Amino acid sequence: MTAMRYRLTFVAGVVLGYVLGTRAGRERYEQLKKSARQFAQNPAVRNTAESAAQQGREFAGKAYHVVSDRVGDRVPESVADRVRHLRDRATHNGGEDDWGTSNT
């Protein structure tokens, strides 16, 4: 009889701990999600990310030219096509890309 009471008390404690823990966890998750959204929407962060993406494209283009000058025609055609595609896309989109945007 007393063993059953202890088991029941233990199970009730586990259930209560689970319910309270999941509620607190969900609230913390929502807080983190909100903070991340605010951070990503900050104009300074967006400008820095866009600037870094632009500099990365410029660096990749320069690196491609340096490498292609040194190795000549040994650059795989798939790499050359990809670089041309990225350069053309940046030119036609005014230097902007779709980084950081959602398609939903």
PDB file of N, CA and C in Angstrom:
ATOM      1  N   MET A   1       0.830  -1.195   0.000  1.00  0.00           N
ATOM      2  CA  MET A   1       0.000   0.000   0.000  1.00  0.00           C
ATOM      3  C   MET A   1       0.875   1.259   0.000  1.00  0.00           C
ATOM      4  N   THR A   2       1.851   1.306   0.887  1.00  0.00           N
ATOM      5  CA  THR A   2       2.706   2.493   0.927  1.00  0.00           C
ATOM      6  C   THR A   2       3.598   2.565  -0.310  1.00  0.00           C
ATOM      7  N   ALA A   3       3.986   1.416  -0.861  1.00  0.00           N
ATOM      8  CA  ALA A   3       4.801   1.419  -2.075  1.00  0.00           C
ATOM      9  C   ALA A   3       4.022   2.016  -3.238  1.00  0.00           C
ATOM     10  N   MET A   4       2.735   1.694  -3.293  1.00  0.00           N
ATOM     11  CA  MET A   4       1.894   2.241  -4.351  1.00  0.00           C
ATOM     12  C   MET A   4       1.762   3.753  -4.207  1.00  0.00           C
ATOM     13  N   ARG A   5       1.673   4.238  -3.000  1.00  0.00           N
ATOM     14  CA  ARG A   5       1.547   5.674  -2.758  1.00  0.00           C
ATOM     15  C   ARG A   5       2.835   6.384  -3.193  1.00  0.00           C
ATOM     16  N   TYR A   6       3.991   5.778  -2.910  1.00  0.00           N
ATOM     17  CA  TYR A   6       5.255   6.383  -3.311  1.00  0.00           C
ATOM     18  C   TYR A   6       5.403   6.410  -4.836  1.00  0.00           C
ATOM     19  N   ARG A   7       4.972   5.332  -5.473  1.00  0.00           N
ATOM     20  CA  ARG A   7       5.018   5.293  -6.933  1.00  0.00           C
ATOM     21  C   ARG A   7       4.117   6.359  -7.530  1.00  0.00           C
ATOM     22  N   LEU A   8       2.920   6.469  -6.966  1.00  0.00           N
ATOM     23  CA  LEU A   8       1.979   7.470  -7.455  1.00  0.00           C
ATOM     24  C   LEU A   8       2.532   8.878  -7.260  1.00  0.00           C
ATOM     25  N   THR A   9       3.143   9.125  -6.118  1.00  0.00           N
ATOM     26  CA  THR A   9       3.748  10.428  -5.850  1.00  0.00           C
ATOM     27  C   THR A   9       4.901  10.691  -6.818  1.00  0.00           C
ATOM     28  N   PHE A  10       5.716   9.662  -7.060  1.00  0.00           N
ATOM     29  CA  PHE A  10       6.833   9.799  -7.990  1.00  0.00           C
ATOM     30  C   PHE A  10       6.343  10.110  -9.400  1.00  0.00           C
ATOM     31  N   VAL A  11       5.351   9.361  -9.866  1.00  0.00           N
ATOM     32  CA  VAL A  11       4.801   9.576 -11.204  1.00  0.00           C
ATOM     33  C   VAL A  11       4.188  10.965 -11.313  1.00  0.00           C
ATOM     34  N   ALA A  12       3.466  11.397 -10.293  1.00  0.00           N
ATOM     35  CA  ALA A  12       2.873  12.740 -10.305  1.00  0.00           C
ATOM     36  C   ALA A  12       3.978  13.801 -10.373  1.00  0.00           C
ATOM     37  N   GLY A  13       5.072  13.588  -9.660  1.00  0.00           N
ATOM     38  CA  GLY A  13       6.196  14.522  -9.698  1.00  0.00           C
ATOM     39  C   GLY A  13       6.848  14.577 -11.069  1.00  0.00           C
ATOM     40  N   VAL A  14       7.003  13.409 -11.697  1.00  0.00           N
ATOM     41  CA  VAL A  14       7.586  13.364 -13.035  1.00  0.00           C
ATOM     42  C   VAL A  14       6.691  14.097 -14.027  1.00  0.00           C
ATOM     43  N   VAL A  15       5.390  13.842 -13.951  1.00  0.00           N
ATOM     44  CA  VAL A  15       4.444  14.498 -14.862  1.00  0.00           C
ATOM     45  C   VAL A  15       4.467  16.007 -14.647  1.00  0.00           C
ATOM     46  N   LEU A  16       4.430  16.442 -13.413  1.00  0.00           N
ATOM     47  CA  LEU A  16       4.452  17.877 -13.112  1.00  0.00           C
ATOM     48  C   LEU A  16       5.763  18.507 -13.596  1.00  0.00           C
ATOM     49  N   GLY A  17       6.883  17.834 -13.372  1.00  0.00           N
ATOM     50  CA  GLY A  17       8.174  18.348 -13.829  1.00  0.00           C
ATOM     51  C   GLY A  17       8.240  18.440 -15.345  1.00  0.00           C
ATOM     52  N   TYR A  18       7.687  17.435 -16.001  1.00  0.00           N
ATOM     53  CA  TYR A  18       7.681  17.439 -17.472  1.00  0.00           C
ATOM     54  C   TYR A  18       6.856  18.602 -18.005  1.00  0.00           C
ATOM     55  N   VAL A  19       5.654  18.778 -17.453  1.00  0.00           N
ATOM     56  CA  VAL A  19       4.771  19.856 -17.922  1.00  0.00           C
ATOM     57  C   VAL A  19       5.409  21.216 -17.689  1.00  0.00           C
ATOM     58  N   LEU A  20       5.937  21.436 -16.494  1.00  0.00           N
ATOM     59  CA  LEU A  20       6.554  22.728 -16.200  1.00  0.00           C
ATOM     60  C   LEU A  20       7.826  22.933 -17.020  1.00  0.00           C
ATOM     61  N   GLY A  21       8.597  21.882 -17.211  1.00  0.00           N
ATOM     62  CA  GLY A  21       9.831  21.980 -17.992  1.00  0.00           C
ATOM     63  C   GLY A  21       9.569  22.283 -19.454  1.00  0.00           C
ATOM     64  N   THR A  22       8.568  21.626 -20.039  1.00  0.00           N
ATOM     65  CA  THR A  22       8.277  21.882 -21.443  1.00  0.00           C
ATOM     66  C   THR A  22       7.720  23.277 -21.638  1.00  0.00           C
ATOM     67  N   ARG A  23       6.924  23.735 -20.713  1.00  0.00           N
ATOM     68  CA  ARG A  23       6.384  25.097 -20.817  1.00  0.00           C
ATOM     69  C   ARG A  23       7.513  26.116 -20.741  1.00  0.00           C
ATOM     70  N   ALA A  24       8.423  25.939 -19.782  1.00  0.00           N
ATOM     71  CA  ALA A  24       9.549  26.865 -19.637  1.00  0.00           C
ATOM     72  C   ALA A  24      10.466  26.774 -20.858  1.00  0.00           C
ATOM     73  N   GLY A  25      10.662  25.560 -21.353  1.00  0.00           N
ATOM     74  CA  GLY A  25      11.503  25.384 -22.531  1.00  0.00           C
ATOM     75  C   GLY A  25      10.907  26.052 -23.761  1.00  0.00           C
ATOM     76  N   ARG A  26       9.610  25.926 -23.909  1.00  0.00           N
ATOM     77  CA  ARG A  26       8.938  26.542 -25.058  1.00  0.00           C
ATOM     78  C   ARG A  26       9.019  28.065 -24.971  1.00  0.00           C
ATOM     79  N   GLU A  27       8.850  28.622 -23.770  1.00  0.00           N
ATOM     80  CA  GLU A  27       8.945  30.078 -23.603  1.00  0.00           C
ATOM     81  C   GLU A  27      10.356  30.560 -23.935  1.00  0.00           C
ATOM     82  N   ARG A  28      11.364  29.825 -23.494  1.00  0.00           N
ATOM     83  CA  ARG A  28      12.749  30.206 -23.780  1.00  0.00           C
ATOM     84  C   ARG A  28      13.029  30.107 -25.279  1.00  0.00           C
ATOM     85  N   TYR A  29      12.507  29.062 -25.910  1.00  0.00           N
ATOM     86  CA  TYR A  29      12.667  28.905 -27.355  1.00  0.00           C
ATOM     87  C   TYR A  29      12.054  30.092 -28.086  1.00  0.00           C
ATOM     88  N   GLU A  30      10.865  30.498 -27.685  1.00  0.00           N
ATOM     89  CA  GLU A  30      10.200  31.649 -28.315  1.00  0.00           C
ATOM     90  C   GLU A  30      11.010  32.928 -28.113  1.00  0.00           C
ATOM     91  N   GLN A  31      11.595  33.091 -26.918  1.00  0.00           N
ATOM     92  CA  GLN A  31      12.429  34.264 -26.662  1.00  0.00           C
ATOM     93  C   GLN A  31      13.652  34.278 -27.584  1.00  0.00           C
ATOM     94  N   LEU A  32      14.301  33.124 -27.710  1.00  0.00           N
ATOM     95  CA  LEU A  32      15.480  33.034 -28.575  1.00  0.00           C
ATOM     96  C   LEU A  32      15.120  33.294 -30.032  1.00  0.00           C
ATOM     97  N   LYS A  33      13.986  32.756 -30.459  1.00  0.00           N
ATOM     98  CA  LYS A  33      13.540  32.948 -31.834  1.00  0.00           C
ATOM     99  C   LYS A  33      13.268  34.431 -32.108  1.00  0.00           C
ATOM    100  N   LYS A  34      12.621  35.088 -31.167  1.00  0.00           N
ATOM    101  CA  LYS A  34      12.323  36.517 -31.314  1.00  0.00           C
ATOM    102  C   LYS A  34      13.615  37.342 -31.357  1.00  0.00           C
ATOM    103  N   SER A  35      14.566  37.002 -30.499  1.00  0.00           N
ATOM    104  CA  SER A  35      15.846  37.720 -30.479  1.00  0.00           C
ATOM    105  C   SER A  35      16.601  37.527 -31.787  1.00  0.00           C
ATOM    106  N   ALA A  36      16.604  36.315 -32.307  1.00  0.00           N
ATOM    107  CA  ALA A  36      17.296  36.042 -33.569  1.00  0.00           C
ATOM    108  C   ALA A  36      16.643  36.814 -34.712  1.00  0.00           C
ATOM    109  N   ARG A  37      15.326  36.874 -34.732  1.00  0.00           N
ATOM    110  CA  ARG A  37      14.614  37.611 -35.783  1.00  0.00           C
ATOM    111  C   ARG A  37      14.953  39.099 -35.703  1.00  0.00           C
ATOM    112  N   GLN A  38      14.945  39.656 -34.484  1.00  0.00           N
ATOM    113  CA  GLN A  38      15.271  41.075 -34.325  1.00  0.00           C
ATOM    114  C   GLN A  38      16.711  41.352 -34.755  1.00  0.00           C
ATOM    115  N   PHE A  39      17.621  40.433 -34.414  1.00  0.00           N
ATOM    116  CA  PHE A  39      19.027  40.592 -34.791  1.00  0.00           C
ATOM    117  C   PHE A  39      19.165  40.588 -36.308  1.00  0.00           C
ATOM    118  N   ALA A  40      18.504  39.654 -36.965  1.00  0.00           N
ATOM    119  CA  ALA A  40      18.612  39.537 -38.430  1.00  0.00           C
ATOM    120  C   ALA A  40      17.981  40.729 -39.139  1.00  0.00           C
ATOM    121  N   GLN A  41      16.994  41.363 -38.522  1.00  0.00           N
ATOM    122  CA  GLN A  41      16.320  42.492 -39.150  1.00  0.00           C
ATOM    123  C   GLN A  41      16.991  43.831 -38.840  1.00  0.00           C
ATOM    124  N   ASN A  42      17.999  43.822 -37.999  1.00  0.00           N
ATOM    125  CA  ASN A  42      18.723  45.030 -37.649  1.00  0.00           C
ATOM    126  C   ASN A  42      19.424  45.560 -38.905  1.00  0.00           C
ATOM    127  N   PRO A  43      19.216  46.830 -39.245  1.00  0.00           N
ATOM    128  CA  PRO A  43      19.835  47.375 -40.465  1.00  0.00           C
ATOM    129  C   PRO A  43      21.357  47.269 -40.478  1.00  0.00           C
ATOM    130  N   ALA A  44      21.987  47.453 -39.344  1.00  0.00           N
ATOM    131  CA  ALA A  44      23.451  47.355 -39.297  1.00  0.00           C
ATOM    132  C   ALA A  44      23.909  45.937 -39.619  1.00  0.00           C
ATOM    133  N   VAL A  45      23.191  44.958 -39.107  1.00  0.00           N
ATOM    134  CA  VAL A  45      23.534  43.560 -39.368  1.00  0.00           C
ATOM    135  C   VAL A  45      23.304  43.231 -40.838  1.00  0.00           C
ATOM    136  N   ARG A  46      22.186  43.677 -41.370  1.00  0.00           N
ATOM    137  CA  ARG A  46      21.879  43.411 -42.781  1.00  0.00           C
ATOM    138  C   ARG A  46      22.925  44.061 -43.694  1.00  0.00           C
ATOM    139  N   ASN A  47      23.301  45.315 -43.387  1.00  0.00           N
ATOM    140  CA  ASN A  47      24.304  46.003 -44.198  1.00  0.00           C
ATOM    141  C   ASN A  47      25.650  45.287 -44.140  1.00  0.00           C
ATOM    142  N   THR A  48      26.023  44.837 -42.950  1.00  0.00           N
ATOM    143  CA  THR A  48      27.286  44.122 -42.795  1.00  0.00           C
ATOM    144  C   THR A  48      27.261  42.817 -43.573  1.00  0.00           C
ATOM    145  N   ALA A  49      26.151  42.097 -43.499  1.00  0.00           N
ATOM    146  CA  ALA A  49      26.032  40.826 -44.222  1.00  0.00           C
ATOM    147  C   ALA A  49      26.078  41.056 -45.733  1.00  0.00           C
ATOM    148  N   GLU A  50      25.393  42.075 -46.208  1.00  0.00           N
ATOM    149  CA  GLU A  50      25.402  42.378 -47.642  1.00  0.00           C
ATOM    150  C   GLU A  50      26.791  42.804 -48.096  1.00  0.00           C
ATOM    151  N   SER A  51      27.457  43.597 -47.272  1.00  0.00           N
ATOM    152  CA  SER A  51      28.817  44.032 -47.601  1.00  0.00           C
ATOM    153  C   SER A  51      29.764  42.832 -47.645  1.00  0.00           C
ATOM    154  N   ALA A  52      29.645  41.941 -46.690  1.00  0.00           N
ATOM    155  CA  ALA A  52      30.497  40.748 -46.665  1.00  0.00           C
ATOM    156  C   ALA A  52      30.234  39.868 -47.883  1.00  0.00           C
ATOM    157  N   ALA A  53      28.972  39.730 -48.263  1.00  0.00           N
ATOM    158  CA  ALA A  53      28.640  38.927 -49.443  1.00  0.00           C
ATOM    159  C   ALA A  53      29.233  39.553 -50.706  1.00  0.00           C
ATOM    160  N   GLN A  54      29.141  40.871 -50.832  1.00  0.00           N
ATOM    161  CA  GLN A  54      29.697  41.563 -51.998  1.00  0.00           C
ATOM    162  C   GLN A  54      31.212  41.414 -52.037  1.00  0.00           C
ATOM    163  N   GLN A  55      31.855  41.590 -50.900  1.00  0.00           N
ATOM    164  CA  GLN A  55      33.309  41.448 -50.856  1.00  0.00           C
ATOM    165  C   GLN A  55      33.721  40.012 -51.185  1.00  0.00           C
ATOM    166  N   GLY A  56      32.935  39.057 -50.728  1.00  0.00           N
ATOM    167  CA  GLY A  56      33.216  37.657 -51.038  1.00  0.00           C
ATOM    168  C   GLY A  56      33.134  37.386 -52.528  1.00  0.00           C
ATOM    169  N   ARG A  57      32.105  37.953 -53.179  1.00  0.00           N
ATOM    170  CA  ARG A  57      31.982  37.786 -54.634  1.00  0.00           C
ATOM    171  C   ARG A  57      33.165  38.418 -55.360  1.00  0.00           C
ATOM    172  N   GLU A  58      33.554  39.619 -54.918  1.00  0.00           N
ATOM    173  CA  GLU A  58      34.687  40.298 -55.549  1.00  0.00           C
ATOM    174  C   GLU A  58      35.970  39.496 -55.359  1.00  0.00           C
ATOM    175  N   PHE A  59      36.181  39.005 -54.150  1.00  0.00           N
ATOM    176  CA  PHE A  59      37.377  38.212 -53.864  1.00  0.00           C
ATOM    177  C   PHE A  59      37.388  36.932 -54.693  1.00  0.00           C
ATOM    178  N   ALA A  60      36.247  36.282 -54.809  1.00  0.00           N
ATOM    179  CA  ALA A  60      36.165  35.046 -55.603  1.00  0.00           C
ATOM    180  C   ALA A  60      36.484  35.324 -57.066  1.00  0.00           C
ATOM    181  N   GLY A  61      35.982  36.431 -57.583  1.00  0.00           N
ATOM    182  CA  GLY A  61      36.280  36.782 -58.970  1.00  0.00           C
ATOM    183  C   GLY A  61      37.754  37.047 -59.184  1.00  0.00           C
ATOM    184  N   LYS A  62      38.379  37.793 -58.265  1.00  0.00           N
ATOM    185  CA  LYS A  62      39.816  38.067 -58.370  1.00  0.00           C
ATOM    186  C   LYS A  62      40.615  36.778 -58.232  1.00  0.00           C
ATOM    187  N   ALA A  63      40.217  35.947 -57.282  1.00  0.00           N
ATOM    188  CA  ALA A  63      40.925  34.681 -57.072  1.00  0.00           C
ATOM    189  C   ALA A  63      40.815  33.804 -58.312  1.00  0.00           C
ATOM    190  N   TYR A  64      39.660  33.789 -58.922  1.00  0.00           N
ATOM    191  CA  TYR A  64      39.483  32.995 -60.137  1.00  0.00           C
ATOM    192  C   TYR A  64      40.447  33.450 -61.224  1.00  0.00           C
ATOM    193  N   HIS A  65      40.557  34.767 -61.393  1.00  0.00           N
ATOM    194  CA  HIS A  65      41.450  35.283 -62.432  1.00  0.00           C
ATOM    195  C   HIS A  65      42.905  34.950 -62.127  1.00  0.00           C
ATOM    196  N   VAL A  66      43.307  35.076 -60.872  1.00  0.00           N
ATOM    197  CA  VAL A  66      44.689  34.748 -60.497  1.00  0.00           C
ATOM    198  C   VAL A  66      44.958  33.268 -60.747  1.00  0.00           C
ATOM    199  N   VAL A  67      44.044  32.435 -60.321  1.00  0.00           N
ATOM    200  CA  VAL A  67      44.229  30.991 -60.503  1.00  0.00           C
ATOM    201  C   VAL A  67      44.207  30.634 -61.978  1.00  0.00           C
ATOM    202  N   SER A  68      43.265  31.192 -62.730  1.00  0.00           N
ATOM    203  CA  SER A  68      43.187  30.843 -64.151  1.00  0.00           C
ATOM    204  C   SER A  68      44.416  31.336 -64.913  1.00  0.00           C
ATOM    205  N   ASP A  69      44.996  32.473 -64.497  1.00  0.00           N
ATOM    206  CA  ASP A  69      46.233  32.939 -65.127  1.00  0.00           C
ATOM    207  C   ASP A  69      47.384  31.970 -64.858  1.00  0.00           C
ATOM    208  N   ARG A  70      47.406  31.394 -63.674  1.00  0.00           N
ATOM    209  CA  ARG A  70      48.506  30.504 -63.305  1.00  0.00           C
ATOM    210  C   ARG A  70      48.343  29.092 -63.841  1.00  0.00           C
ATOM    211  N   VAL A  71      47.113  28.620 -63.900  1.00  0.00           N
ATOM    212  CA  VAL A  71      46.923  27.238 -64.346  1.00  0.00           C
ATOM    213  C   VAL A  71      46.392  27.150 -65.764  1.00  0.00           C
ATOM    214  N   GLY A  72      46.099  28.271 -66.359  1.00  0.00           N
ATOM    215  CA  GLY A  72      45.657  28.304 -67.746  1.00  0.00           C
ATOM    216  C   GLY A  72      44.336  27.600 -67.952  1.00  0.00           C
ATOM    217  N   ASP A  73      44.293  26.747 -68.950  1.00  0.00           N
ATOM    218  CA  ASP A  73      43.048  26.056 -69.309  1.00  0.00           C
ATOM    219  C   ASP A  73      42.781  24.834 -68.449  1.00  0.00           C
ATOM    220  N   ARG A  74      43.535  24.633 -67.414  1.00  0.00           N
ATOM    221  CA  ARG A  74      43.354  23.459 -66.567  1.00  0.00           C
ATOM    222  C   ARG A  74      42.232  23.637 -65.547  1.00  0.00           C
ATOM    223  N   VAL A  75      41.596  24.815 -65.509  1.00  0.00           N
ATOM    224  CA  VAL A  75      40.453  25.030 -64.621  1.00  0.00           C
ATOM    225  C   VAL A  75      39.280  24.231 -65.188  1.00  0.00           C
ATOM    226  N   PRO A  76      38.651  23.403 -64.358  1.00  0.00           N
ATOM    227  CA  PRO A  76      37.515  22.618 -64.864  1.00  0.00           C
ATOM    228  C   PRO A  76      36.425  23.532 -65.425  1.00  0.00           C
ATOM    229  N   GLU A  77      35.823  23.106 -66.494  1.00  0.00           N
ATOM    230  CA  GLU A  77      34.801  23.909 -67.154  1.00  0.00           C
ATOM    231  C   GLU A  77      33.623  24.182 -66.213  1.00  0.00           C
ATOM    232  N   SER A  78      33.318  23.226 -65.336  1.00  0.00           N
ATOM    233  CA  SER A  78      32.206  23.431 -64.401  1.00  0.00           C
ATOM    234  C   SER A  78      32.485  24.600 -63.462  1.00  0.00           C
ATOM    235  N   VAL A  79      33.729  24.739 -63.036  1.00  0.00           N
ATOM    236  CA  VAL A  79      34.105  25.863 -62.164  1.00  0.00           C
ATOM    237  C   VAL A  79      34.007  27.166 -62.939  1.00  0.00           C
ATOM    238  N   ALA A  80      34.524  27.171 -64.151  1.00  0.00           N
ATOM    239  CA  ALA A  80      34.470  28.382 -64.970  1.00  0.00           C
ATOM    240  C   ALA A  80      33.024  28.792 -65.234  1.00  0.00           C
ATOM    241  N   ASP A  81      32.156  27.819 -65.525  1.00  0.00           N
ATOM    242  CA  ASP A  81      30.743  28.128 -65.760  1.00  0.00           C
ATOM    243  C   ASP A  81      30.092  28.710 -64.519  1.00  0.00           C
ATOM    244  N   ARG A  82      30.400  28.149 -63.371  1.00  0.00           N
ATOM    245  CA  ARG A  82      29.790  28.637 -62.122  1.00  0.00           C
ATOM    246  C   ARG A  82      30.223  30.066 -61.828  1.00  0.00           C
ATOM    247  N   VAL A  83      31.495  30.363 -62.016  1.00  0.00           N
ATOM    248  CA  VAL A  83      31.988  31.723 -61.769  1.00  0.00           C
ATOM    249  C   VAL A  83      31.336  32.700 -62.742  1.00  0.00           C
ATOM    250  N   ARG A  84      31.235  32.322 -64.020  1.00  0.00           N
ATOM    251  CA  ARG A  84      30.574  33.188 -64.988  1.00  0.00           C
ATOM    252  C   ARG A  84      29.128  33.432 -64.605  1.00  0.00           C
ATOM    253  N   HIS A  85      28.453  32.370 -64.182  1.00  0.00           N
ATOM    254  CA  HIS A  85      27.045  32.494 -63.786  1.00  0.00           C
ATOM    255  C   HIS A  85      26.894  33.455 -62.602  1.00  0.00           C
ATOM    256  N   LEU A  86      27.743  33.301 -61.603  1.00  0.00           N
ATOM    257  CA  LEU A  86      27.659  34.178 -60.434  1.00  0.00           C
ATOM    258  C   LEU A  86      27.977  35.622 -60.804  1.00  0.00           C
ATOM    259  N   ARG A  87      28.965  35.816 -61.657  1.00  0.00           N
ATOM    260  CA  ARG A  87      29.320  37.172 -62.082  1.00  0.00           C
ATOM    261  C   ARG A  87      28.172  37.803 -62.862  1.00  0.00           C
ATOM    262  N   ASP A  88      27.560  37.039 -63.773  1.00  0.00           N
ATOM    263  CA  ASP A  88      26.433  37.554 -64.557  1.00  0.00           C
ATOM    264  C   ASP A  88      25.240  37.882 -63.669  1.00  0.00           C
ATOM    265  N   ARG A  89      24.954  37.014 -62.723  1.00  0.00           N
ATOM    266  CA  ARG A  89      23.825  37.247 -61.818  1.00  0.00           C
ATOM    267  C   ARG A  89      24.048  38.500 -60.988  1.00  0.00           C
ATOM    268  N   ALA A  90      25.262  38.704 -60.507  1.00  0.00           N
ATOM    269  CA  ALA A  90      25.569  39.897 -59.720  1.00  0.00           C
ATOM    270  C   ALA A  90      25.449  41.147 -60.581  1.00  0.00           C
ATOM    271  N   THR A  91      25.851  41.047 -61.831  1.00  0.00           N
ATOM    272  CA  THR A  91      25.775  42.192 -62.738  1.00  0.00           C
ATOM    273  C   THR A  91      24.329  42.550 -63.055  1.00  0.00           C
ATOM    274  N   HIS A  92      23.502  41.544 -63.327  1.00  0.00           N
ATOM    275  CA  HIS A  92      22.104  41.786 -63.690  1.00  0.00           C
ATOM    276  C   HIS A  92      21.240  42.186 -62.501  1.00  0.00           C
ATOM    277  N   ASN A  93      21.616  41.793 -61.312  1.00  0.00           N
ATOM    278  CA  ASN A  93      20.831  42.130 -60.120  1.00  0.00           C
ATOM    279  C   ASN A  93      21.369  43.364 -59.410  1.00  0.00           C
ATOM    280  N   GLY A  94      22.222  44.083 -60.026  1.00  0.00           N
ATOM    281  CA  GLY A  94      22.771  45.280 -59.397  1.00  0.00           C
ATOM    282  C   GLY A  94      23.682  44.956 -58.229  1.00  0.00           C
ATOM    283  N   GLY A  95      24.297  43.778 -58.245  1.00  0.00           N
ATOM    284  CA  GLY A  95      25.207  43.405 -57.178  1.00  0.00           C
ATOM    285  C   GLY A  95      24.522  42.790 -55.983  1.00  0.00           C
ATOM    286  N   GLU A  96      23.208  42.661 -56.031  1.00  0.00           N
ATOM    287  CA  GLU A  96      22.489  42.092 -54.901  1.00  0.00           C
ATOM    288  C   GLU A  96      22.240  40.617 -55.144  1.00  0.00           C
ATOM    289  N   ASP A  97      22.125  39.864 -54.050  1.00  0.00           N
ATOM    290  CA  ASP A  97      21.774  38.466 -54.165  1.00  0.00           C
ATOM    291  C   ASP A  97      20.598  38.176 -53.249  1.00  0.00           C
ATOM    292  N   ASP A  98      20.209  36.910 -53.186  1.00  0.00           N
ATOM    293  CA  ASP A  98      19.058  36.547 -52.367  1.00  0.00           C
ATOM    294  C   ASP A  98      19.473  36.006 -51.009  1.00  0.00           C
ATOM    295  N   TRP A  99      20.702  36.311 -50.562  1.00  0.00           N
ATOM    296  CA  TRP A  99      21.173  35.825 -49.290  1.00  0.00           C
ATOM    297  C   TRP A  99      20.339  36.452 -48.187  1.00  0.00           C
ATOM    298  N   GLY A 100      19.895  35.624 -47.238  1.00  0.00           N
ATOM    299  CA  GLY A 100      19.144  36.114 -46.097  1.00  0.00           C
ATOM    300  C   GLY A 100      17.677  36.314 -46.339  1.00  0.00           C
ATOM    301  N   THR A 101      17.183  35.972 -47.517  1.00  0.00           N
ATOM    302  CA  THR A 101      15.762  36.098 -47.784  1.00  0.00           C
ATOM    303  C   THR A 101      15.145  34.728 -47.792  1.00  0.00           C
ATOM    304  N   SER A 102      13.888  34.683 -47.479  1.00  0.00           N
ATOM    305  CA  SER A 102      13.191  33.379 -47.517  1.00  0.00           C
ATOM    306  C   SER A 102      12.313  33.332 -48.745  1.00  0.00           C
ATOM    307  N   ASN A 103      12.151  32.141 -49.262  1.00  0.00           N
ATOM    308  CA  ASN A 103      11.337  31.949 -50.451  1.00  0.00           C
ATOM    309  C   ASN A 103       9.960  31.448 -50.099  1.00  0.00           C
ATOM    310  N   THR A 104       9.550  31.614 -48.862  1.00  0.00           N
ATOM    311  CA  THR A 104       8.236  31.125 -48.461  1.00  0.00           C
ATOM    312  C   THR A 104       7.217  32.212 -48.490  1.00  0.00           C
TER     313      THR A 104
END
